[in-house]
């Protein structure tokens, strides 16, 4: 599956932003998906994941209550709604997908995902 992330930009702290990840090349509803992020000099970290149907989600503690992951399988797209953005949210955000079933793998580990988008940069100024 090919993934294309978009929606990043330069924003001020406190505002909202929505990232999109469009999939092509496969029936996207057969894939669990996730968002990761990587700040300069740091390792890639888990942000949120969602099951194939969208009925199950998981979040990193640092974004819980502020970010929402969702998907529209009819549009082959996964979203990440980010509210109340903070400067520490500044990073390149990557979407990822896997054919594994939610609950059978460690969704927070990057090596569990076979497909990755190119990343979209989110910069939050204070």
Protein backbone atom coordinates (compact mmCIF):
# COMPACT_ATOMS: atom_id res chain seq x y z
CA UNK A 1 0.00 0.00 0.00
CA UNK A 2 1.20 3.50 -0.82
CA UNK A 3 0.54 6.21 1.75
CA UNK A 4 0.54 9.96 1.24
CA UNK A 5 0.43 12.21 4.30
CA UNK A 6 -0.63 15.83 4.12
CA UNK A 7 -1.97 18.68 6.22
CA UNK A 8 1.09 19.80 8.14
CA UNK A 9 2.15 23.39 8.53
CA UNK A 10 3.31 26.17 10.81
CA UNK A 11 0.78 27.05 13.49
CA UNK A 12 0.64 28.82 16.81
CA UNK A 13 0.23 27.00 20.09
CA UNK A 14 -3.35 26.32 21.03
CA UNK A 15 -4.79 25.94 17.56
CA UNK A 16 -5.99 22.81 15.80
CA UNK A 17 -4.78 21.00 12.72
CA UNK A 18 -5.94 17.93 10.85
CA UNK A 19 -3.56 15.60 9.09
CA UNK A 20 -4.69 13.24 6.35
CA UNK A 21 -3.16 10.03 5.09
CA UNK A 22 -4.45 8.83 1.74
CA UNK A 23 -3.86 5.21 0.78
CA UNK A 24 -3.72 3.69 -2.66
CA UNK A 25 -2.91 0.36 -4.20
CA UNK A 26 -4.87 -1.91 -1.89
CA UNK A 27 -8.15 -2.27 -0.04
CA UNK A 28 -7.29 0.04 2.83
CA UNK A 29 -10.00 -1.34 5.06
CA UNK A 30 -7.87 -4.47 5.42
CA UNK A 31 -5.12 -2.47 7.14
CA UNK A 32 -4.71 -1.22 10.67
CA UNK A 33 -3.13 2.23 10.62
CA UNK A 34 -1.21 4.55 12.87
CA UNK A 35 0.47 7.91 13.17
CA UNK A 36 4.01 8.31 14.44
CA UNK A 37 6.11 11.42 14.78
CA UNK A 38 9.78 12.26 14.88
CA UNK A 39 11.27 15.43 16.25
CA UNK A 40 14.80 16.52 15.31
CA UNK A 41 17.41 14.43 17.08
CA UNK A 42 14.86 12.08 18.59
CA UNK A 43 13.57 8.63 17.77
CA UNK A 44 10.31 8.06 16.00
CA UNK A 45 7.53 7.81 18.54
CA UNK A 46 4.02 6.43 18.52
CA UNK A 47 1.14 8.88 18.45
CA UNK A 48 -2.08 6.96 17.73
CA UNK A 49 -3.37 3.84 16.06
CA UNK A 50 -6.69 2.63 14.71
CA UNK A 51 -8.10 -0.75 13.82
CA UNK A 52 -9.28 -1.78 10.36
CA UNK A 53 -12.89 -0.86 11.04
CA UNK A 54 -12.07 2.18 13.15
CA UNK A 55 -13.81 0.75 16.19
CA UNK A 56 -10.63 0.53 18.26
CA UNK A 57 -8.08 3.26 18.86
CA UNK A 58 -5.06 3.80 21.06
CA UNK A 59 -3.09 6.92 21.94
CA UNK A 60 0.20 7.92 23.43
CA UNK A 61 -0.23 9.48 26.85
CA UNK A 62 1.28 12.73 25.59
CA UNK A 63 -1.58 13.29 23.12
CA UNK A 64 -4.48 11.58 24.84
CA UNK A 65 -7.43 13.94 25.11
CA UNK A 66 -6.02 16.33 22.49
CA UNK A 67 -5.59 14.17 19.39
CA UNK A 68 -8.16 11.99 17.65
CA UNK A 69 -7.43 9.37 15.03
CA UNK A 70 -10.19 8.37 12.66
CA UNK A 71 -10.62 6.81 9.27
CA UNK A 72 -12.95 6.82 6.29
CA UNK A 73 -12.50 3.52 4.50
CA UNK A 74 -14.73 4.66 1.64
CA UNK A 75 -12.13 7.36 0.96
CA UNK A 76 -9.11 5.18 1.85
CA UNK A 77 -8.02 7.86 4.28
CA UNK A 78 -6.89 8.05 7.90
CA UNK A 79 -7.01 11.33 9.79
CA UNK A 80 -5.34 12.79 12.82
CA UNK A 81 -7.17 15.67 14.39
CA UNK A 82 -4.82 17.61 16.66
CA UNK A 83 -6.32 20.09 19.11
CA UNK A 84 -4.62 22.46 21.51
CA UNK A 85 -1.27 22.04 19.83
CA UNK A 86 1.84 22.62 21.90
CA UNK A 87 5.41 23.47 20.85
CA UNK A 88 6.47 19.98 21.94
CA UNK A 89 4.19 18.55 19.25
CA UNK A 90 6.57 19.91 16.63
CA UNK A 91 7.75 17.00 14.51
CA UNK A 92 7.47 15.26 11.19
CA UNK A 93 4.33 13.15 11.32
CA UNK A 94 4.23 9.83 9.52
CA UNK A 95 1.32 7.56 8.79
CA UNK A 96 1.81 3.82 8.70
CA UNK A 97 -0.23 0.74 7.88
CA UNK A 98 -0.11 -2.97 8.56
CA UNK A 99 -2.11 -6.01 7.56
CA UNK A 100 -1.95 -7.36 11.11
CA UNK A 101 -5.09 -7.51 13.19
CA UNK A 102 -5.48 -5.01 16.01
CA UNK A 103 -4.78 -6.75 19.28
CA UNK A 104 -2.32 -9.22 17.79
CA UNK A 105 0.67 -6.93 17.56
CA UNK A 106 2.41 -4.14 19.44
CA UNK A 107 0.78 -1.18 17.75
CA UNK A 108 3.22 1.33 19.27
CA UNK A 109 6.29 -0.23 17.66
CA UNK A 110 7.32 1.21 14.30
CA UNK A 111 8.72 -2.12 13.09
CA UNK A 112 5.22 -3.63 13.21
CA UNK A 113 4.20 -1.53 10.21
CA UNK A 114 5.16 -2.49 6.68
CA UNK A 115 4.00 0.63 4.87
CA UNK A 116 4.92 4.24 5.56
CA UNK A 117 4.05 7.60 4.14
CA UNK A 118 6.61 10.27 3.42
CA UNK A 119 5.82 12.44 6.43
CA UNK A 120 4.36 15.89 6.86
CA UNK A 121 5.98 18.58 9.01
CA UNK A 122 4.07 20.18 11.85
CA UNK A 123 5.69 23.17 13.52
CA UNK A 124 4.05 24.73 16.55
CA UNK A 125 5.28 28.11 17.67
CA UNK A 126 4.81 29.42 21.19
